[in-house]
């Protein structure tokens, strides 16, 4: 534990895109737009997914297929991801939480490449996001969809509590998206961050407008 600092919570769960890492718009929209996948096909896939006609895993597989069809490989994807950046204060907040002995976790519908590029592995105890696989030549060879996005994000918080043996009253959550509302209810304390929608602000204990994530420190560390 860091000298003079104690943790208020034993587990702090973060959303990724727009919370720990900042970029212009939703991550999938950014990747597709930068790499030139078929916009008509993208629109139809999103429609089918939001209508419940395909599963989240099928939606993820379709995203990968569209990116592959556009010629995207690991280098191209990483070039886009490299334009993102950690939110101001994010790395320092993670360091202080770890120094105080807290477990940290990421629960997101984003992609593992963002974590790999921008967040040091020693600052995060669990990373539950979508994963993209590549062959030896860097071409997309498949992927693994997270089971914990959208309506299942709350289940992800419960599973993280179980994994780390932490009761609900010792868990905090920090997020900014509409899919974070149910997850916020699964924590004892929730922070609605930055551009969080009104329903997440209502479900959370505090709303912080940003841009510096260290503003959350007084709520997470004593």
Protein backbone atom coordinates (compact mmCIF):
# COMPACT_ATOMS: atom_id res chain seq x y z
CA UNK A 1 0.00 0.00 0.00
CA UNK A 2 1.26 3.46 -0.86
CA UNK A 3 2.35 5.54 2.11
CA UNK A 4 -0.47 7.71 3.40
CA UNK A 5 -2.96 6.37 0.85
CA UNK A 6 -5.64 3.74 1.40
CA UNK A 7 -8.19 2.30 -0.96
CA UNK A 8 -11.90 2.87 -0.53
CA UNK A 9 -12.66 -0.14 -2.77
CA UNK A 10 -10.90 -3.44 -3.35
CA UNK A 11 -11.91 -3.67 -7.02
CA UNK A 12 -12.31 -0.79 -9.47
CA UNK A 13 -13.81 -1.67 -12.85
CA UNK A 14 -13.37 0.68 -15.79
CA UNK A 15 -14.95 1.06 -19.19
CA UNK A 16 -12.30 1.49 -21.89
CA UNK A 17 -13.28 3.71 -24.81
CA UNK A 18 -14.05 7.26 -23.78
CA UNK A 19 -13.09 6.47 -20.18
CA UNK A 20 -9.51 5.22 -19.92
CA UNK A 21 -8.66 5.89 -23.57
CA UNK A 22 -9.81 8.85 -25.64
CA UNK A 23 -10.52 8.97 -29.36
CA UNK A 24 -12.93 10.59 -31.77
CA UNK A 25 -16.18 8.64 -31.66
CA UNK A 26 -17.01 4.97 -30.99
CA UNK A 27 -14.02 2.68 -31.55
CA UNK A 28 -15.65 0.45 -34.17
CA UNK A 29 -16.98 3.45 -36.11
CA UNK A 30 -13.50 4.98 -35.99
CA UNK A 31 -11.82 1.80 -37.26
CA UNK A 32 -14.32 1.30 -40.07
CA UNK A 33 -14.20 4.94 -41.11
CA UNK A 34 -10.41 5.10 -41.17
CA UNK A 35 -9.96 1.80 -42.99
CA UNK A 36 -12.75 2.24 -45.54
CA UNK A 37 -15.10 -0.66 -44.96
CA UNK A 38 -18.42 -0.71 -46.83
CA UNK A 39 -20.71 1.86 -45.11
CA UNK A 40 -23.92 0.32 -46.48
CA UNK A 41 -22.96 -3.09 -45.15
CA UNK A 42 -21.99 -1.56 -41.82
CA UNK A 43 -25.34 0.18 -41.53
CA UNK A 44 -27.22 -3.05 -42.23
CA UNK A 45 -25.18 -5.03 -39.70
CA UNK A 46 -25.81 -2.41 -37.02
CA UNK A 47 -29.54 -2.41 -37.83
CA UNK A 48 -29.75 -6.19 -37.52
CA UNK A 49 -27.77 -6.20 -34.28
CA UNK A 50 -29.85 -3.49 -32.62
CA UNK A 51 -33.03 -5.24 -33.77
CA UNK A 52 -31.88 -8.44 -32.09
CA UNK A 53 -31.68 -10.32 -35.38
CA UNK A 54 -28.04 -11.32 -34.77
CA UNK A 55 -26.09 -11.94 -31.58
CA UNK A 56 -23.33 -9.73 -30.27
CA UNK A 57 -20.79 -12.41 -31.26
CA UNK A 58 -22.20 -12.39 -34.80
CA UNK A 59 -21.99 -8.60 -34.86
CA UNK A 60 -18.34 -8.78 -33.82
CA UNK A 61 -17.60 -11.42 -36.47
CA UNK A 62 -19.26 -9.22 -39.09
CA UNK A 63 -17.14 -6.26 -38.02
CA UNK A 64 -13.99 -8.34 -38.48
CA UNK A 65 -15.15 -9.60 -41.87
CA UNK A 66 -15.84 -6.05 -43.05
CA UNK A 67 -12.45 -4.83 -41.88
CA UNK A 68 -10.74 -7.78 -43.53
CA UNK A 69 -12.64 -7.13 -46.76
CA UNK A 70 -11.38 -3.55 -46.65
CA UNK A 71 -7.82 -4.87 -46.54
CA UNK A 72 -7.17 -4.16 -42.88
CA UNK A 73 -4.36 -6.06 -41.18
CA UNK A 74 -2.65 -5.73 -37.81
CA UNK A 75 -0.39 -2.89 -38.95
CA UNK A 76 -3.29 -0.91 -40.39
CA UNK A 77 -5.41 -1.40 -37.28
CA UNK A 78 -2.55 -0.44 -34.99
CA UNK A 79 -1.88 2.69 -37.05
CA UNK A 80 -5.44 3.85 -36.30
CA UNK A 81 -5.23 2.83 -32.65
CA UNK A 82 -1.96 4.75 -32.33
CA UNK A 83 -3.92 7.99 -32.89
CA UNK A 84 -5.85 7.37 -29.66
CA UNK A 85 -4.41 8.39 -26.29
CA UNK A 86 -4.93 7.63 -22.61
CA UNK A 87 -7.35 9.99 -20.93
CA UNK A 88 -5.53 12.70 -18.95
CA UNK A 89 -4.77 11.31 -15.52
CA UNK A 90 -5.77 7.74 -16.42
CA UNK A 91 -2.36 6.13 -16.07
CA UNK A 92 -1.60 7.96 -12.84
CA UNK A 93 -4.96 6.97 -11.37
CA UNK A 94 -4.32 3.33 -12.24
CA UNK A 95 -0.85 3.54 -10.68
CA UNK A 96 -2.24 5.01 -7.47
CA UNK A 97 -4.97 2.38 -7.24
CA UNK A 98 -2.45 -0.42 -7.72
CA UNK A 99 -0.09 1.15 -5.17
CA UNK A 100 -2.95 1.18 -2.67
CA UNK A 101 -3.56 -2.53 -3.26
CA UNK A 102 -6.75 -2.30 -5.30
CA UNK A 103 -7.57 -4.71 -8.11
CA UNK A 104 -8.24 -2.98 -11.45
CA UNK A 105 -10.20 -4.32 -14.40
CA UNK A 106 -11.39 -3.25 -17.84
CA UNK A 107 -14.84 -4.29 -19.02
CA UNK A 108 -15.62 -3.06 -22.52
CA UNK A 109 -16.92 -3.77 -25.99
CA UNK A 110 -13.71 -2.27 -27.34
CA UNK A 111 -10.74 -4.17 -28.74
CA UNK A 112 -7.61 -5.57 -27.15
CA UNK A 113 -5.32 -3.62 -29.48
CA UNK A 114 -6.30 -0.40 -27.71
CA UNK A 115 -5.28 -1.80 -24.33
CA UNK A 116 -2.09 -3.26 -25.78
CA UNK A 117 -1.06 0.07 -27.31
CA UNK A 118 -1.98 2.47 -24.53
CA UNK A 119 -2.27 0.80 -21.11
CA UNK A 120 0.66 -0.96 -19.40
CA UNK A 121 -0.16 -4.55 -18.49
CA UNK A 122 1.11 -4.18 -14.94
CA UNK A 123 -1.60 -1.61 -14.18
CA UNK A 124 -4.54 -3.86 -15.07
CA UNK A 125 -5.44 -7.14 -13.35
CA UNK A 126 -8.17 -8.23 -15.78
CA UNK A 127 -8.93 -7.14 -19.34
CA UNK A 128 -12.30 -8.31 -20.67
CA UNK A 129 -12.70 -6.92 -24.19
CA UNK A 130 -13.05 -8.18 -27.75
CA UNK A 131 -9.91 -9.87 -29.04
CA UNK A 132 -8.69 -9.92 -32.64
CA UNK A 133 -6.43 -12.72 -33.83
CA UNK A 134 -3.85 -12.48 -36.61
CA UNK A 135 -1.86 -15.00 -38.61
CA UNK A 136 1.93 -14.93 -38.98
CA UNK A 137 1.62 -12.38 -41.79
CA UNK A 138 -0.48 -10.00 -39.70
CA UNK A 139 -3.75 -10.77 -41.49
CA UNK A 140 -6.98 -11.05 -39.48
CA UNK A 141 -7.56 -14.73 -38.75
CA UNK A 142 -10.54 -14.49 -36.41
CA UNK A 143 -11.37 -13.21 -32.99
CA UNK A 144 -13.11 -13.77 -29.69
CA UNK A 145 -16.08 -11.61 -28.77
CA UNK A 146 -16.43 -10.55 -25.18
CA UNK A 147 -19.46 -12.15 -23.51
CA UNK A 148 -19.77 -9.06 -21.33
CA UNK A 149 -20.92 -6.14 -23.44
CA UNK A 150 -24.22 -4.34 -23.85
CA UNK A 151 -26.91 -6.02 -21.73
CA UNK A 152 -24.37 -8.50 -20.33
CA UNK A 153 -21.97 -5.94 -18.88
CA UNK A 154 -23.59 -6.24 -15.46
CA UNK A 155 -22.84 -9.96 -15.52
CA UNK A 156 -19.23 -9.04 -16.20
CA UNK A 157 -19.04 -6.99 -13.01
CA UNK A 158 -20.56 -9.86 -11.04
CA UNK A 159 -18.04 -12.29 -12.53
CA UNK A 160 -15.16 -9.95 -11.71
CA UNK A 161 -16.39 -9.75 -8.12
CA UNK A 162 -16.42 -13.53 -7.98
CA UNK A 163 -12.97 -13.86 -9.57
CA UNK A 164 -11.32 -11.52 -7.11
CA UNK A 165 -13.41 -12.55 -4.12
CA UNK A 166 -14.68 -9.02 -3.55
CA UNK A 167 -18.18 -8.30 -2.20
CA UNK A 168 -20.36 -5.74 -3.95
CA UNK A 169 -19.86 -3.17 -1.19
CA UNK A 170 -16.12 -3.10 -2.01
CA UNK A 171 -16.52 -2.52 -5.78
CA UNK A 172 -16.46 0.73 -7.75
CA UNK A 173 -17.25 1.25 -11.43
CA UNK A 174 -16.23 4.07 -13.79
CA UNK A 175 -17.83 4.41 -17.23
CA UNK A 176 -19.27 6.79 -19.79
CA UNK A 177 -21.55 4.82 -22.11
CA UNK A 178 -25.23 3.90 -22.29
CA UNK A 179 -24.23 0.24 -21.96
CA UNK A 180 -22.69 1.03 -18.56
CA UNK A 181 -25.96 1.66 -16.72
CA UNK A 182 -26.57 -1.92 -15.58
CA UNK A 183 -22.88 -2.30 -14.69
CA UNK A 184 -23.09 0.78 -12.49
CA UNK A 185 -25.87 -0.89 -10.49
CA UNK A 186 -23.58 -3.85 -9.79
CA UNK A 187 -21.06 -1.69 -7.89
CA UNK A 188 -21.29 -0.05 -4.49
CA UNK A 189 -20.09 3.23 -6.01
CA UNK A 190 -20.32 4.33 -9.63
CA UNK A 191 -18.74 7.25 -11.45
CA UNK A 192 -20.42 8.58 -14.59
CA UNK A 193 -17.58 10.05 -16.59
CA UNK A 194 -17.13 12.75 -19.21
CA UNK A 195 -19.89 12.52 -21.84
CA UNK A 196 -21.98 9.98 -19.92
CA UNK A 197 -25.65 9.98 -20.94
CA UNK A 198 -28.33 11.10 -18.52
CA UNK A 199 -29.43 7.58 -17.62
CA UNK A 200 -25.90 6.64 -16.56
CA UNK A 201 -25.57 9.85 -14.56
CA UNK A 202 -28.85 9.00 -12.80
CA UNK A 203 -27.64 5.46 -12.05
CA UNK A 204 -24.29 6.66 -10.68
CA UNK A 205 -23.25 8.18 -7.38
CA UNK A 206 -21.30 11.03 -8.94
CA UNK A 207 -20.93 12.63 -12.35
CA UNK A 208 -17.49 13.99 -13.29
CA UNK A 209 -17.29 15.97 -16.55
CA UNK A 210 -13.58 15.41 -17.18
CA UNK A 211 -11.21 15.74 -18.81
CA UNK A 212 -8.76 14.65 -16.06
CA UNK A 213 -9.53 11.20 -14.67
CA UNK A 214 -7.60 12.00 -11.50
CA UNK A 215 -10.75 13.87 -10.49
CA UNK A 216 -12.09 10.43 -9.52
CA UNK A 217 -9.26 9.82 -7.04
CA UNK A 218 -10.97 11.29 -3.93
CA UNK A 219 -13.89 8.91 -4.49
CA UNK A 220 -11.69 5.83 -4.93
CA UNK A 221 -8.76 6.48 -2.57
CA UNK A 222 -8.57 7.97 0.91
